[in-house]
Amino acid sequence: MLSRKILEDYLEQEELEYHLDDTDPDRILVVFQTKQLSNVSLDITILNSRTVLFLSRMPINIPPAYRIEVCEFITRVNYGVVLGGFELDLDEGDLNYKIVGTVSRTTDLDQEAFCRLLYLGNSMLDKYASGILSILYGGKSAKQAYEFITKP
């Protein structure tokens, strides 16, 4: 069974600073610095006793003029993704990487599984940020940005 206390213990074992949401007892906020991005926020929310949501938020908002191009880019990326995926709010411009972790009725979420889920979204934001930024600031199309990121 998932609990905020278990997740807090795991975060403390990772020596990560986190903040509790005063309005939602099932939500924890962690802020990361990655290789390419600063202030990546990660919302960890317990949805129920067996499901936890990890939502890594891109630290910049996608301007309206670029949302369709970025949407195509993340669709190209998501096609090959096995766990989780990018999502873009077309009205607000928020870009996230979302992962949902589940546990069985008889097995708890262990530290190793928690860490894989904890760091995956940030790794994906880091991996694909330069493609997104090349659309926003480099004049690349979604296809060009994707080919740039995925070339050997």
N, C-alpha and C. Protein backbone atom coordinates (compact mmCIF):
# COMPACT_ATOMS: atom_id res chain seq x y z
N MET A 1 0.84 -1.19 0.00
CA MET A 1 0.00 0.00 0.00
C MET A 1 0.89 1.25 0.00
N LEU A 2 0.51 2.22 -0.81
CA LEU A 2 1.26 3.46 -0.89
C LEU A 2 0.84 4.42 0.20
N SER A 3 1.79 5.16 0.72
CA SER A 3 1.48 6.22 1.67
C SER A 3 2.50 7.34 1.48
N ARG A 4 2.11 8.54 1.87
CA ARG A 4 3.03 9.67 1.77
C ARG A 4 4.27 9.43 2.63
N LYS A 5 4.10 8.80 3.76
CA LYS A 5 5.23 8.51 4.65
C LYS A 5 6.26 7.63 3.96
N ILE A 6 5.82 6.60 3.26
CA ILE A 6 6.74 5.72 2.53
C ILE A 6 7.50 6.52 1.48
N LEU A 7 6.79 7.35 0.73
CA LEU A 7 7.44 8.15 -0.32
C LEU A 7 8.41 9.17 0.29
N GLU A 8 8.03 9.77 1.40
CA GLU A 8 8.94 10.70 2.08
C GLU A 8 10.21 9.97 2.53
N ASP A 9 10.07 8.77 3.07
CA ASP A 9 11.24 7.98 3.48
C ASP A 9 12.17 7.73 2.30
N TYR A 10 11.59 7.37 1.17
CA TYR A 10 12.41 7.13 -0.03
C TYR A 10 13.13 8.40 -0.47
N LEU A 11 12.44 9.53 -0.44
CA LEU A 11 13.07 10.80 -0.82
C LEU A 11 14.20 11.16 0.14
N GLU A 12 14.01 10.90 1.41
CA GLU A 12 15.06 11.16 2.40
C GLU A 12 16.26 10.24 2.18
N GLN A 13 16.01 8.99 1.81
CA GLN A 13 17.11 8.08 1.51
C GLN A 13 17.90 8.54 0.29
N GLU A 14 17.22 9.20 -0.63
CA GLU A 14 17.88 9.76 -1.82
C GLU A 14 18.52 11.11 -1.51
N GLU A 15 18.32 11.60 -0.29
CA GLU A 15 18.83 12.89 0.15
C GLU A 15 18.33 14.03 -0.73
N LEU A 16 17.04 13.99 -1.04
CA LEU A 16 16.40 15.01 -1.85
C LEU A 16 15.54 15.90 -0.97
N GLU A 17 15.64 17.19 -1.23
CA GLU A 17 14.77 18.13 -0.54
C GLU A 17 13.40 18.09 -1.20
N TYR A 18 12.37 18.10 -0.40
CA TYR A 18 11.01 18.07 -0.94
C TYR A 18 10.11 18.96 -0.09
N HIS A 19 8.95 19.25 -0.65
CA HIS A 19 7.97 20.09 0.03
C HIS A 19 6.63 19.37 0.00
N LEU A 20 5.91 19.48 1.10
CA LEU A 20 4.58 18.88 1.18
C LEU A 20 3.54 19.91 0.79
N ASP A 21 2.52 19.46 0.12
CA ASP A 21 1.42 20.33 -0.28
C ASP A 21 0.45 20.44 0.89
N ASP A 22 0.27 21.65 1.42
CA ASP A 22 -0.61 21.86 2.57
C ASP A 22 -2.07 21.59 2.24
N THR A 23 -2.45 21.76 0.97
CA THR A 23 -3.84 21.58 0.59
C THR A 23 -4.18 20.17 0.13
N ASP A 24 -3.16 19.39 -0.22
CA ASP A 24 -3.38 18.01 -0.70
C ASP A 24 -2.42 17.09 0.04
N PRO A 25 -2.92 16.30 0.98
CA PRO A 25 -2.05 15.45 1.79
C PRO A 25 -1.39 14.32 1.00
N ASP A 26 -1.82 14.10 -0.24
CA ASP A 26 -1.25 13.03 -1.05
C ASP A 26 -0.28 13.54 -2.12
N ARG A 27 0.17 14.79 -1.99
CA ARG A 27 1.03 15.40 -3.01
C ARG A 27 2.34 15.88 -2.39
N ILE A 28 3.44 15.57 -3.09
CA ILE A 28 4.78 15.98 -2.68
C ILE A 28 5.42 16.68 -3.88
N LEU A 29 6.16 17.76 -3.63
CA LEU A 29 6.84 18.50 -4.68
C LEU A 29 8.35 18.43 -4.47
N VAL A 30 9.06 18.07 -5.55
CA VAL A 30 10.52 18.02 -5.55
C VAL A 30 11.00 18.91 -6.69
N VAL A 31 12.04 19.71 -6.48
CA VAL A 31 12.61 20.54 -7.55
C VAL A 31 14.01 20.03 -7.85
N PHE A 32 14.26 19.81 -9.16
CA PHE A 32 15.54 19.26 -9.62
C PHE A 32 16.28 20.26 -10.49
N GLN A 33 17.58 20.12 -10.52
CA GLN A 33 18.43 20.75 -11.52
C GLN A 33 18.94 19.59 -12.38
N THR A 34 18.70 19.63 -13.68
CA THR A 34 19.19 18.58 -14.56
C THR A 34 20.36 19.12 -15.37
N LYS A 35 20.91 18.31 -16.24
CA LYS A 35 22.05 18.74 -17.04
C LYS A 35 21.71 19.93 -17.93
N GLN A 36 20.49 19.92 -18.50
CA GLN A 36 20.11 20.97 -19.44
C GLN A 36 19.11 21.98 -18.89
N LEU A 37 18.43 21.62 -17.82
CA LEU A 37 17.33 22.45 -17.32
C LEU A 37 17.50 22.74 -15.84
N SER A 38 17.04 23.91 -15.43
CA SER A 38 17.02 24.21 -14.01
C SER A 38 15.57 24.35 -13.57
N ASN A 39 15.36 24.11 -12.30
CA ASN A 39 14.04 24.24 -11.70
C ASN A 39 12.96 23.38 -12.35
N VAL A 40 13.31 22.12 -12.61
CA VAL A 40 12.32 21.16 -13.07
C VAL A 40 11.55 20.70 -11.84
N SER A 41 10.27 20.95 -11.83
CA SER A 41 9.49 20.50 -10.68
C SER A 41 8.87 19.15 -10.97
N LEU A 42 8.85 18.34 -9.94
CA LEU A 42 8.26 17.01 -10.02
C LEU A 42 7.17 16.93 -8.97
N ASP A 43 5.95 16.72 -9.43
CA ASP A 43 4.83 16.49 -8.52
C ASP A 43 4.67 14.99 -8.36
N ILE A 44 4.66 14.52 -7.13
CA ILE A 44 4.40 13.11 -6.84
C ILE A 44 3.07 13.07 -6.12
N THR A 45 2.09 12.42 -6.70
CA THR A 45 0.75 12.40 -6.12
C THR A 45 0.26 10.97 -5.99
N ILE A 46 -0.15 10.61 -4.79
CA ILE A 46 -0.76 9.30 -4.57
C ILE A 46 -2.21 9.39 -5.03
N LEU A 47 -2.55 8.63 -6.06
CA LEU A 47 -3.90 8.67 -6.60
C LEU A 47 -4.84 7.75 -5.81
N ASN A 48 -4.32 6.61 -5.39
CA ASN A 48 -5.05 5.69 -4.52
C ASN A 48 -4.03 4.77 -3.86
N SER A 49 -4.46 3.80 -3.12
CA SER A 49 -3.54 2.98 -2.32
C SER A 49 -2.59 2.14 -3.17
N ARG A 50 -2.82 2.08 -4.49
CA ARG A 50 -1.96 1.27 -5.35
C ARG A 50 -1.39 2.04 -6.54
N THR A 51 -1.65 3.34 -6.64
CA THR A 51 -1.25 4.10 -7.82
C THR A 51 -0.63 5.44 -7.42
N VAL A 52 0.52 5.74 -8.03
CA VAL A 52 1.18 7.02 -7.77
C VAL A 52 1.52 7.67 -9.12
N LEU A 53 1.31 8.98 -9.19
CA LEU A 53 1.56 9.76 -10.40
C LEU A 53 2.83 10.58 -10.21
N PHE A 54 3.73 10.52 -11.20
CA PHE A 54 4.94 11.33 -11.23
C PHE A 54 4.80 12.28 -12.42
N LEU A 55 4.79 13.58 -12.16
CA LEU A 55 4.59 14.56 -13.21
C LEU A 55 5.76 15.55 -13.20
N SER A 56 6.66 15.39 -14.18
CA SER A 56 7.81 16.29 -14.32
C SER A 56 7.39 17.44 -15.23
N ARG A 57 7.58 18.66 -14.74
CA ARG A 57 7.11 19.83 -15.47
C ARG A 57 8.27 20.59 -16.12
N MET A 58 8.15 20.84 -17.41
CA MET A 58 9.12 21.66 -18.13
C MET A 58 9.11 23.05 -17.50
N PRO A 59 10.29 23.62 -17.21
CA PRO A 59 10.32 24.89 -16.49
C PRO A 59 9.97 26.12 -17.34
N ILE A 60 9.66 25.92 -18.60
CA ILE A 60 9.22 27.05 -19.43
C ILE A 60 7.87 26.72 -20.04
N ASN A 61 7.10 27.76 -20.30
CA ASN A 61 5.80 27.62 -20.93
C ASN A 61 5.98 27.67 -22.44
N ILE A 62 5.26 26.84 -23.16
CA ILE A 62 5.35 26.84 -24.63
C ILE A 62 4.44 27.95 -25.17
N PRO A 63 5.00 28.93 -25.87
CA PRO A 63 4.19 30.03 -26.41
C PRO A 63 3.16 29.52 -27.43
N PRO A 64 2.01 30.18 -27.53
CA PRO A 64 0.95 29.72 -28.43
C PRO A 64 1.40 29.46 -29.86
N ALA A 65 2.27 30.29 -30.40
CA ALA A 65 2.69 30.14 -31.80
C ALA A 65 3.47 28.84 -32.05
N TYR A 66 3.99 28.22 -31.00
CA TYR A 66 4.82 27.03 -31.16
C TYR A 66 4.15 25.74 -30.66
N ARG A 67 2.96 25.84 -30.13
CA ARG A 67 2.34 24.67 -29.49
C ARG A 67 2.05 23.54 -30.45
N ILE A 68 1.60 23.83 -31.65
CA ILE A 68 1.29 22.76 -32.61
C ILE A 68 2.59 22.06 -33.04
N GLU A 69 3.64 22.83 -33.27
CA GLU A 69 4.93 22.24 -33.67
C GLU A 69 5.50 21.38 -32.54
N VAL A 70 5.44 21.87 -31.31
CA VAL A 70 5.92 21.11 -30.16
C VAL A 70 5.05 19.87 -29.95
N CYS A 71 3.75 20.00 -30.19
CA CYS A 71 2.84 18.87 -30.09
C CYS A 71 3.24 17.77 -31.07
N GLU A 72 3.57 18.14 -32.29
CA GLU A 72 4.03 17.15 -33.27
C GLU A 72 5.34 16.52 -32.80
N PHE A 73 6.25 17.32 -32.29
CA PHE A 73 7.53 16.80 -31.80
C PHE A 73 7.31 15.77 -30.70
N ILE A 74 6.50 16.09 -29.70
CA ILE A 74 6.32 15.14 -28.59
C ILE A 74 5.53 13.92 -29.04
N THR A 75 4.68 14.06 -30.06
CA THR A 75 3.99 12.88 -30.61
C THR A 75 5.01 11.94 -31.25
N ARG A 76 5.96 12.51 -31.97
CA ARG A 76 7.03 11.69 -32.56
C ARG A 76 7.83 10.99 -31.45
N VAL A 77 8.14 11.72 -30.40
CA VAL A 77 8.90 11.14 -29.28
C VAL A 77 8.07 10.05 -28.60
N ASN A 78 6.82 10.34 -28.28
CA ASN A 78 5.98 9.39 -27.55
C ASN A 78 5.78 8.07 -28.29
N TYR A 79 5.85 8.11 -29.61
CA TYR A 79 5.63 6.89 -30.39
C TYR A 79 6.63 5.80 -29.99
N GLY A 80 7.84 6.19 -29.62
CA GLY A 80 8.86 5.21 -29.26
C GLY A 80 9.06 5.02 -27.77
N VAL A 81 8.29 5.71 -26.95
CA VAL A 81 8.48 5.65 -25.50
C VAL A 81 7.75 4.43 -24.94
N VAL A 82 8.41 3.75 -24.00
CA VAL A 82 7.83 2.55 -23.40
C VAL A 82 7.09 2.86 -22.11
N LEU A 83 7.63 3.73 -21.27
CA LEU A 83 7.04 4.03 -19.97
C LEU A 83 6.81 5.53 -19.84
N GLY A 84 5.57 5.92 -19.65
CA GLY A 84 5.25 7.33 -19.51
C GLY A 84 5.11 7.99 -20.86
N GLY A 85 5.04 9.31 -20.84
CA GLY A 85 4.94 10.05 -22.08
C GLY A 85 4.80 11.55 -21.83
N PHE A 86 5.10 12.32 -22.87
CA PHE A 86 4.95 13.76 -22.81
C PHE A 86 3.49 14.13 -23.02
N GLU A 87 3.10 15.25 -22.42
CA GLU A 87 1.78 15.82 -22.65
C GLU A 87 1.92 17.34 -22.69
N LEU A 88 1.11 17.95 -23.54
CA LEU A 88 1.13 19.41 -23.70
C LEU A 88 -0.28 19.94 -23.56
N ASP A 89 -0.47 20.89 -22.67
CA ASP A 89 -1.75 21.57 -22.52
C ASP A 89 -1.80 22.63 -23.62
N LEU A 90 -2.63 22.39 -24.63
CA LEU A 90 -2.69 23.29 -25.78
C LEU A 90 -3.28 24.65 -25.44
N ASP A 91 -4.04 24.76 -24.35
CA ASP A 91 -4.60 26.05 -23.94
C ASP A 91 -3.62 26.87 -23.11
N GLU A 92 -2.90 26.21 -22.21
CA GLU A 92 -2.02 26.92 -21.27
C GLU A 92 -0.54 26.87 -21.66
N GLY A 93 -0.14 25.88 -22.43
CA GLY A 93 1.26 25.76 -22.83
C GLY A 93 2.14 24.99 -21.87
N ASP A 94 1.53 24.34 -20.86
CA ASP A 94 2.30 23.54 -19.91
C ASP A 94 2.75 22.23 -20.58
N LEU A 95 4.02 21.90 -20.43
CA LEU A 95 4.58 20.68 -20.99
C LEU A 95 5.09 19.82 -19.85
N ASN A 96 4.63 18.58 -19.80
CA ASN A 96 4.97 17.65 -18.72
C ASN A 96 5.39 16.31 -19.28
N TYR A 97 6.11 15.58 -18.44
CA TYR A 97 6.34 14.15 -18.69
C TYR A 97 5.63 13.41 -17.57
N LYS A 98 4.69 12.54 -17.94
CA LYS A 98 3.84 11.87 -16.95
C LYS A 98 4.13 10.38 -16.92
N ILE A 99 4.27 9.86 -15.70
CA ILE A 99 4.45 8.43 -15.47
C ILE A 99 3.51 8.03 -14.34
N VAL A 100 2.86 6.90 -14.51
CA VAL A 100 2.02 6.36 -13.45
C VAL A 100 2.62 5.04 -13.02
N GLY A 101 2.88 4.92 -11.72
CA GLY A 101 3.40 3.68 -11.16
C GLY A 101 2.31 2.99 -10.37
N THR A 102 2.26 1.67 -10.48
CA THR A 102 1.27 0.91 -9.73
C THR A 102 1.95 -0.20 -8.94
N VAL A 103 1.31 -0.59 -7.88
CA VAL A 103 1.78 -1.73 -7.09
C VAL A 103 0.65 -2.74 -6.99
N SER A 104 1.03 -3.98 -6.78
CA SER A 104 0.02 -5.03 -6.66
C SER A 104 -0.60 -5.00 -5.27
N ARG A 105 -1.58 -5.81 -5.07
CA ARG A 105 -2.24 -5.88 -3.76
C ARG A 105 -1.31 -6.44 -2.69
N THR A 106 -0.33 -7.24 -3.13
CA THR A 106 0.53 -7.92 -2.16
C THR A 106 1.94 -7.37 -2.09
N THR A 107 2.31 -6.49 -3.02
CA THR A 107 3.67 -5.99 -3.07
C THR A 107 3.70 -4.48 -2.91
N ASP A 108 4.60 -3.98 -2.08
CA ASP A 108 4.78 -2.54 -1.93
C ASP A 108 5.72 -2.02 -3.01
N LEU A 109 5.70 -0.72 -3.20
CA LEU A 109 6.64 -0.04 -4.08
C LEU A 109 7.98 0.01 -3.35
N ASP A 110 9.00 -0.66 -3.89
CA ASP A 110 10.28 -0.65 -3.20
C ASP A 110 11.13 0.54 -3.63
N GLN A 111 12.22 0.76 -2.92
CA GLN A 111 13.09 1.91 -3.17
C GLN A 111 13.61 1.93 -4.60
N GLU A 112 14.00 0.80 -5.13
CA GLU A 112 14.55 0.76 -6.49
C GLU A 112 13.51 1.15 -7.53
N ALA A 113 12.31 0.60 -7.42
CA ALA A 113 11.25 0.94 -8.36
C ALA A 113 10.87 2.42 -8.23
N PHE A 114 10.81 2.90 -7.00
CA PHE A 114 10.50 4.31 -6.75
C PHE A 114 11.53 5.20 -7.44
N CYS A 115 12.81 4.87 -7.32
CA CYS A 115 13.87 5.70 -7.91
C CYS A 115 13.79 5.69 -9.43
N ARG A 116 13.47 4.56 -10.04
CA ARG A 116 13.32 4.53 -11.50
C ARG A 116 12.22 5.50 -11.93
N LEU A 117 11.10 5.47 -11.23
CA LEU A 117 10.00 6.37 -11.56
C LEU A 117 10.34 7.82 -11.22
N LEU A 118 11.04 8.02 -10.13
CA LEU A 118 11.41 9.36 -9.66
C LEU A 118 12.27 10.10 -10.68
N TYR A 119 13.25 9.42 -11.24
CA TYR A 119 14.22 10.09 -12.11
C TYR A 119 13.89 10.00 -13.60
N LEU A 120 13.00 9.12 -14.00
CA LEU A 120 12.74 8.91 -15.42
C LEU A 120 12.20 10.16 -16.11
N GLY A 121 11.20 10.80 -15.53
CA GLY A 121 10.61 11.98 -16.16
C GLY A 121 11.62 13.09 -16.38
N ASN A 122 12.45 13.32 -15.38
CA ASN A 122 13.48 14.35 -15.51
C ASN A 122 14.50 13.97 -16.57
N SER A 123 14.85 12.70 -16.64
CA SER A 123 15.78 12.23 -17.68
C SER A 123 15.19 12.44 -19.06
N MET A 124 13.91 12.19 -19.20
CA MET A 124 13.27 12.38 -20.50
C MET A 124 13.18 13.86 -20.86
N LEU A 125 12.85 14.71 -19.90
CA LEU A 125 12.86 16.15 -20.17
C LEU A 125 14.25 16.59 -20.59
N ASP A 126 15.26 16.10 -19.88
CA ASP A 126 16.63 16.46 -20.19
C ASP A 126 17.03 15.98 -21.59
N LYS A 127 16.65 14.75 -21.91
CA LYS A 127 17.02 14.17 -23.20
C LYS A 127 16.40 14.93 -24.37
N TYR A 128 15.15 15.35 -24.23
CA TYR A 128 14.44 15.95 -25.35
C TYR A 128 14.31 17.47 -25.28
N ALA A 129 14.83 18.08 -24.23
CA ALA A 129 14.74 19.54 -24.09
C ALA A 129 15.39 20.28 -25.25
N SER A 130 16.52 19.79 -25.72
CA SER A 130 17.20 20.51 -26.81
C SER A 130 16.37 20.49 -28.09
N GLY A 131 15.59 19.43 -28.31
CA GLY A 131 14.68 19.40 -29.45
C GLY A 131 13.58 20.44 -29.32
N ILE A 132 13.02 20.53 -28.13
CA ILE A 132 11.96 21.51 -27.87
C ILE A 132 12.53 22.92 -28.00
N LEU A 133 13.69 23.14 -27.42
CA LEU A 133 14.31 24.47 -27.50
C LEU A 133 14.71 24.83 -28.92
N SER A 134 15.08 23.83 -29.73
CA SER A 134 15.43 24.12 -31.13
C SER A 134 14.21 24.55 -31.93
N ILE A 135 13.04 24.11 -31.52
CA ILE A 135 11.81 24.59 -32.16
C ILE A 135 11.51 26.02 -31.71
N LEU A 136 11.62 26.25 -30.40
CA LEU A 136 11.29 27.57 -29.86
C LEU A 136 12.27 28.66 -30.27
N TYR A 137 13.56 28.32 -30.28
CA TYR A 137 14.59 29.36 -30.47
C TYR A 137 15.48 29.15 -31.69
N GLY A 138 15.38 27.97 -32.32
CA GLY A 138 16.27 27.68 -33.44
C GLY A 138 15.59 27.59 -34.78
N GLY A 139 14.29 27.79 -34.81
CA GLY A 139 13.57 27.79 -36.08
C GLY A 139 13.40 26.42 -36.71
N LYS A 140 13.62 25.35 -35.96
CA LYS A 140 13.48 24.01 -36.54
C LYS A 140 12.02 23.58 -36.54
N SER A 141 11.68 22.75 -37.52
CA SER A 141 10.36 22.11 -37.52
C SER A 141 10.39 20.95 -36.53
N ALA A 142 9.23 20.41 -36.24
CA ALA A 142 9.14 19.26 -35.33
C ALA A 142 9.95 18.09 -35.87
N LYS A 143 9.84 17.83 -37.16
CA LYS A 143 10.56 16.71 -37.77
C LYS A 143 12.07 16.95 -37.71
N GLN A 144 12.50 18.16 -38.03
CA GLN A 144 13.94 18.47 -37.95
C GLN A 144 14.46 18.33 -36.53
N ALA A 145 13.70 18.81 -35.57
CA ALA A 145 14.11 18.72 -34.17
C ALA A 145 14.19 17.26 -33.73
N TYR A 146 13.22 16.46 -34.14
CA TYR A 146 13.22 15.04 -33.77
C TYR A 146 14.41 14.32 -34.41
N GLU A 147 14.65 14.60 -35.67
CA GLU A 147 15.80 13.97 -36.35
C GLU A 147 17.11 14.40 -35.72
N PHE A 148 17.20 15.65 -35.30
CA PHE A 148 18.39 16.16 -34.63
C PHE A 148 18.63 15.40 -33.33
N ILE A 149 17.58 15.16 -32.57
CA ILE A 149 17.70 14.48 -31.27
C ILE A 149 18.00 13.00 -31.43
N THR A 150 17.44 12.38 -32.45
CA THR A 150 17.53 10.91 -32.58
C THR A 150 18.64 10.44 -33.51
N LYS A 151 19.35 11.36 -34.14
CA LYS A 151 20.42 10.92 -35.04
C LYS A 151 21.52 10.23 -34.23
N PRO A 152 22.12 9.20 -34.83
CA PRO A 152 23.18 8.46 -34.09
C PRO A 152 24.40 9.31 -33.82
